Structure formats: structure tokens, C-alpha cells
Amino acid sequence: MVPSVARQMIREYIYAYSAIAPQTGDCFSMIAPYCNTEAMNCFLQQLAVQYSHYRIVLILDKAGWHISKNIRLPDNLFLMHLPPYSPELNPVELLWREIRRKFFHNKIFNSLDDVEDNLVVALADYHNNTDAVKRLANGYSFFNKIDGG
């Protein structure tokens, strides 16, 4: 017998913006009600402030809010856009895959607030576990230290 799963017919949305650092296992996220340039600017600003002592290269696809002329890029951030149809080159996609699999697979929520609560738990699971982020992003260390003599 094949198990049945109820279907959810309501379409409401919530958005999460995240960045991970494969080398350190750091994970930074923001949950927003919109997916647009204004929300992206808010995420970039918060990321830049949180990691103000770092120079950050952020890998992105070419979604409209990633390439908008209205992006306000903080001084310590550089955006690197991927070629089309290449999400496998972006380590944060592994985070989304795992969150969908572990926290959202075959689940029905009573409200968008319940979805957000579940998303907060899912993101906190990675924010509080740098080793899990490093395991997810294994192989994405583009800028390894070179020991030389």
C-alpha cells in the first residue's frame, strides 16, 4: 500500500535569504515577507554589518532582485553571479535542499505563521551547528590556504 499525503491548496509565501561560508561553517539568514530588491538590500546590509571585519564574495544566480540596478552594495561585499542554469555551483543550494528534506517534506501547515516557525527552527539548526554547514558545503572551499615554504 502506498501511503497517502494530504494536499495543501492554499498558496501563500514567505522567503528566506541565506549565505553560508564553507570554510568556517557560518550561516547567516533573514526571513522576509517579500522577495524583491528592497528585501535583498536589507539582507545585504545586515550581512555586511554582521561580518563587517570580512571581505565577502557572495555567489548568486541572476534572479531579478540579485541583478537589479537598485541593489545597494555595502563596501565589504562583492557579488559573483553564476552562469544560467547552474545552481549546483552555489553552496547555499545545498542548505535549501537539506532544509526542504528534513523540515518540510510531506508536511502540511495550518498557517503561514506555522511555516515561518518551522523555517526559524530549520535555519537555527544550521546557524548553531557550523560542523553541519561545513559538511553540507564540503568541496566548496574555493579559496583554501596554501601552505608553502
C-alpha atoms as a PDB file:
ATOM      1  CA  MET A   1       0.000   0.000   0.000  1.00  0.00           C
ATOM      2  CA  VAL A   2       1.301   3.455  -0.917  1.00  0.00           C
ATOM      3  CA  PRO A   3       0.951   5.992   1.901  1.00  0.00           C
ATOM      4  CA  SER A   4      -1.186   8.974   1.093  1.00  0.00           C
ATOM      5  CA  VAL A   5      -0.269  12.542   1.846  1.00  0.00           C
ATOM      6  CA  ALA A   6      -2.820  15.305   2.105  1.00  0.00           C
ATOM      7  CA  ARG A   7      -2.500  18.188  -0.305  1.00  0.00           C
ATOM      8  CA  GLN A   8      -2.357  21.801   0.666  1.00  0.00           C
ATOM      9  CA  MET A   9      -4.190  24.005  -1.809  1.00  0.00           C
ATOM     10  CA  ILE A  10      -3.552  27.461  -0.351  1.00  0.00           C
ATOM     11  CA  ARG A  11      -0.693  29.403  -1.903  1.00  0.00           C
ATOM     12  CA  GLU A  12       0.984  31.834   0.472  1.00  0.00           C
ATOM     13  CA  TYR A  13       4.651  32.660   0.502  1.00  0.00           C
ATOM     14  CA  ILE A  14       7.453  33.532   2.843  1.00  0.00           C
ATOM     15  CA  TYR A  15      11.050  33.990   1.762  1.00  0.00           C
ATOM     16  CA  ALA A  16      14.412  33.218   3.301  1.00  0.00           C
ATOM     17  CA  TYR A  17      17.692  34.806   2.278  1.00  0.00           C
ATOM     18  CA  SER A  18      20.814  32.954   3.398  1.00  0.00           C
ATOM     19  CA  ALA A  19      24.547  32.928   2.940  1.00  0.00           C
ATOM     20  CA  ILE A  20      26.947  30.247   4.115  1.00  0.00           C
ATOM     21  CA  ALA A  21      30.721  30.223   4.466  1.00  0.00           C
ATOM     22  CA  PRO A  22      32.056  26.768   3.524  1.00  0.00           C
ATOM     23  CA  GLN A  23      35.406  27.440   5.209  1.00  0.00           C
ATOM     24  CA  THR A  24      34.062  28.450   8.638  1.00  0.00           C
ATOM     25  CA  GLY A  25      30.601  26.895   8.666  1.00  0.00           C
ATOM     26  CA  ASP A  26      28.979  30.255   9.357  1.00  0.00           C
ATOM     27  CA  CYS A  27      25.380  30.615   8.248  1.00  0.00           C
ATOM     28  CA  PHE A  28      23.538  33.932   8.075  1.00  0.00           C
ATOM     29  CA  SER A  29      19.842  34.214   7.217  1.00  0.00           C
ATOM     30  CA  MET A  30      16.941  36.598   7.075  1.00  0.00           C
ATOM     31  CA  ILE A  31      13.260  35.717   6.694  1.00  0.00           C
ATOM     32  CA  ALA A  32      11.166  38.238   4.770  1.00  0.00           C
ATOM     33  CA  PRO A  33       7.593  38.574   3.520  1.00  0.00           C
ATOM     34  CA  TYR A  34       8.819  39.612   0.069  1.00  0.00           C
ATOM     35  CA  CYS A  35      11.355  38.503  -2.485  1.00  0.00           C
ATOM     36  CA  ASN A  36      12.417  41.722  -4.156  1.00  0.00           C
ATOM     37  CA  THR A  37      15.228  44.264  -4.403  1.00  0.00           C
ATOM     38  CA  GLU A  38      14.234  46.044  -1.186  1.00  0.00           C
ATOM     39  CA  ALA A  39      14.396  42.798   0.809  1.00  0.00           C
ATOM     40  CA  MET A  40      17.667  41.877  -0.897  1.00  0.00           C
ATOM     41  CA  ASN A  41      19.167  45.234   0.066  1.00  0.00           C
ATOM     42  CA  CYS A  42      18.070  44.673   3.658  1.00  0.00           C
ATOM     43  CA  PHE A  43      19.715  41.222   3.664  1.00  0.00           C
ATOM     44  CA  LEU A  44      22.961  42.543   2.149  1.00  0.00           C
ATOM     45  CA  GLN A  45      23.114  45.377   4.685  1.00  0.00           C
ATOM     46  CA  GLN A  46      22.540  43.042   7.646  1.00  0.00           C
ATOM     47  CA  LEU A  47      25.104  40.554   6.311  1.00  0.00           C
ATOM     48  CA  ALA A  48      27.667  43.328   5.833  1.00  0.00           C
ATOM     49  CA  VAL A  49      27.143  44.621   9.373  1.00  0.00           C
ATOM     50  CA  GLN A  50      27.290  41.147  10.950  1.00  0.00           C
ATOM     51  CA  TYR A  51      30.567  40.402   9.137  1.00  0.00           C
ATOM     52  CA  SER A  52      31.946  43.934   8.994  1.00  0.00           C
ATOM     53  CA  HIS A  53      35.537  42.752   9.528  1.00  0.00           C
ATOM     54  CA  TYR A  54      35.398  40.467   6.486  1.00  0.00           C
ATOM     55  CA  ARG A  55      35.533  40.927   2.739  1.00  0.00           C
ATOM     56  CA  ILE A  56      32.667  38.781   1.418  1.00  0.00           C
ATOM     57  CA  VAL A  57      32.264  37.250  -2.015  1.00  0.00           C
ATOM     58  CA  LEU A  58      28.603  36.287  -2.314  1.00  0.00           C
ATOM     59  CA  ILE A  59      27.714  33.758  -5.013  1.00  0.00           C
ATOM     60  CA  LEU A  60      24.300  34.361  -6.585  1.00  0.00           C
ATOM     61  CA  ASP A  61      22.245  33.319  -9.550  1.00  0.00           C
ATOM     62  CA  LYS A  62      20.837  36.029 -11.789  1.00  0.00           C
ATOM     63  CA  ALA A  63      17.406  36.363 -10.218  1.00  0.00           C
ATOM     64  CA  GLY A  64      15.897  39.787 -10.837  1.00  0.00           C
ATOM     65  CA  TRP A  65      16.475  41.004  -7.282  1.00  0.00           C
ATOM     66  CA  HIS A  66      20.138  39.858  -7.493  1.00  0.00           C
ATOM     67  CA  ILE A  67      20.924  41.932 -10.577  1.00  0.00           C
ATOM     68  CA  SER A  68      18.670  44.933 -10.059  1.00  0.00           C
ATOM     69  CA  LYS A  69      20.156  48.337 -10.802  1.00  0.00           C
ATOM     70  CA  ASN A  70      18.784  49.382  -7.403  1.00  0.00           C
ATOM     71  CA  ILE A  71      20.987  46.989  -5.399  1.00  0.00           C
ATOM     72  CA  ARG A  72      22.873  48.957  -2.747  1.00  0.00           C
ATOM     73  CA  LEU A  73      26.097  47.030  -2.313  1.00  0.00           C
ATOM     74  CA  PRO A  74      27.899  47.504   1.015  1.00  0.00           C
ATOM     75  CA  ASP A  75      31.640  48.206   0.783  1.00  0.00           C
ATOM     76  CA  ASN A  76      32.703  44.819   2.169  1.00  0.00           C
ATOM     77  CA  LEU A  77      30.576  42.774  -0.270  1.00  0.00           C
ATOM     78  CA  PHE A  78      31.275  41.651  -3.814  1.00  0.00           C
ATOM     79  CA  LEU A  79      28.611  39.827  -5.837  1.00  0.00           C
ATOM     80  CA  MET A  80      29.646  36.970  -8.124  1.00  0.00           C
ATOM     81  CA  HIS A  81      26.867  35.864 -10.477  1.00  0.00           C
ATOM     82  CA  LEU A  82      26.699  32.303 -11.730  1.00  0.00           C
ATOM     83  CA  PRO A  83      26.082  31.321 -15.330  1.00  0.00           C
ATOM     84  CA  PRO A  84      22.460  30.409 -16.158  1.00  0.00           C
ATOM     85  CA  TYR A  85      21.116  27.016 -15.036  1.00  0.00           C
ATOM     86  CA  SER A  86      23.991  26.218 -12.685  1.00  0.00           C
ATOM     87  CA  PRO A  87      22.593  26.069  -9.130  1.00  0.00           C
ATOM     88  CA  GLU A  88      24.979  23.194  -8.359  1.00  0.00           C
ATOM     89  CA  LEU A  89      27.785  25.767  -8.266  1.00  0.00           C
ATOM     90  CA  ASN A  90      26.201  27.617  -5.340  1.00  0.00           C
ATOM     91  CA  PRO A  91      26.859  26.009  -1.933  1.00  0.00           C
ATOM     92  CA  VAL A  92      23.800  27.634  -0.319  1.00  0.00           C
ATOM     93  CA  GLU A  93      21.596  25.484  -2.595  1.00  0.00           C
ATOM     94  CA  LEU A  94      22.716  22.508  -0.503  1.00  0.00           C
ATOM     95  CA  LEU A  95      21.302  24.238   2.575  1.00  0.00           C
ATOM     96  CA  TRP A  96      17.938  24.704   0.848  1.00  0.00           C
ATOM     97  CA  ARG A  97      17.896  21.067  -0.276  1.00  0.00           C
ATOM     98  CA  GLU A  98      18.544  19.824   3.256  1.00  0.00           C
ATOM     99  CA  ILE A  99      16.031  22.171   4.872  1.00  0.00           C
ATOM    100  CA  ARG A 100      13.328  21.087   2.420  1.00  0.00           C
ATOM    101  CA  ARG A 101      14.154  17.412   3.009  1.00  0.00           C
ATOM    102  CA  LYS A 102      14.478  17.496   6.804  1.00  0.00           C
ATOM    103  CA  PHE A 103      11.941  20.128   7.809  1.00  0.00           C
ATOM    104  CA  PHE A 104       9.292  20.442   5.088  1.00  0.00           C
ATOM    105  CA  HIS A 105       8.966  17.103   3.283  1.00  0.00           C
ATOM    106  CA  ASN A 106       5.368  15.802   3.326  1.00  0.00           C
ATOM    107  CA  LYS A 107       4.200  18.355   5.876  1.00  0.00           C
ATOM    108  CA  ILE A 108       1.068  20.428   5.863  1.00  0.00           C
ATOM    109  CA  PHE A 109       0.915  23.647   7.853  1.00  0.00           C
ATOM    110  CA  ASN A 110      -2.170  25.336   9.261  1.00  0.00           C
ATOM    111  CA  SER A 111      -0.907  28.832   8.570  1.00  0.00           C
ATOM    112  CA  LEU A 112       1.924  30.824   7.091  1.00  0.00           C
ATOM    113  CA  ASP A 113       2.975  31.605  10.670  1.00  0.00           C
ATOM    114  CA  ASP A 114       3.454  27.858  11.232  1.00  0.00           C
ATOM    115  CA  VAL A 115       5.616  27.687   8.098  1.00  0.00           C
ATOM    116  CA  GLU A 116       7.711  30.593   9.377  1.00  0.00           C
ATOM    117  CA  ASP A 117       8.081  28.970  12.822  1.00  0.00           C
ATOM    118  CA  ASN A 118       9.281  25.762  11.158  1.00  0.00           C
ATOM    119  CA  LEU A 119      11.679  27.727   8.956  1.00  0.00           C
ATOM    120  CA  VAL A 120      13.112  29.508  12.008  1.00  0.00           C
ATOM    121  CA  VAL A 121      13.782  26.130  13.655  1.00  0.00           C
ATOM    122  CA  ALA A 122      15.344  24.772  10.461  1.00  0.00           C
ATOM    123  CA  LEU A 123      17.661  27.743   9.971  1.00  0.00           C
ATOM    124  CA  ALA A 124      18.615  27.802  13.667  1.00  0.00           C
ATOM    125  CA  ASP A 125      19.624  24.151  13.333  1.00  0.00           C
ATOM    126  CA  TYR A 126      22.313  25.211  10.853  1.00  0.00           C
ATOM    127  CA  HIS A 127      23.157  28.589  12.407  1.00  0.00           C
ATOM    128  CA  ASN A 128      24.026  26.787  15.647  1.00  0.00           C
ATOM    129  CA  ASN A 129      25.975  23.955  14.039  1.00  0.00           C
ATOM    130  CA  THR A 130      28.976  25.089  11.995  1.00  0.00           C
ATOM    131  CA  ASP A 131      30.112  21.479  11.526  1.00  0.00           C
ATOM    132  CA  ALA A 132      26.821  20.646   9.783  1.00  0.00           C
ATOM    133  CA  VAL A 133      27.286  23.608   7.430  1.00  0.00           C
ATOM    134  CA  LYS A 134      30.871  22.568   6.694  1.00  0.00           C
ATOM    135  CA  ARG A 135      29.693  19.018   5.908  1.00  0.00           C
ATOM    136  CA  LEU A 136      26.984  20.382   3.614  1.00  0.00           C
ATOM    137  CA  ALA A 137      29.440  22.575   1.785  1.00  0.00           C
ATOM    138  CA  ASN A 138      32.252  20.027   1.636  1.00  0.00           C
ATOM    139  CA  GLY A 139      34.152  20.606  -1.579  1.00  0.00           C
ATOM    140  CA  TYR A 140      33.151  24.250  -1.954  1.00  0.00           C
ATOM    141  CA  SER A 141      36.291  25.735  -0.442  1.00  0.00           C
ATOM    142  CA  PHE A 142      37.280  27.858  -3.415  1.00  0.00           C
ATOM    143  CA  PHE A 143      39.879  29.835  -1.507  1.00  0.00           C
ATOM    144  CA  ASN A 144      41.919  27.333   0.510  1.00  0.00           C
ATOM    145  CA  LYS A 145      45.023  28.387   2.372  1.00  0.00           C
ATOM    146  CA  ILE A 146      48.204  27.366   0.613  1.00  0.00           C
ATOM    147  CA  ASP A 147      50.908  26.086   2.907  1.00  0.00           C
ATOM    148  CA  GLY A 148      54.169  26.927   1.332  1.00  0.00           C
ATOM    149  CA  GLY A 149      57.761  27.139   2.090  1.00  0.00           C
END
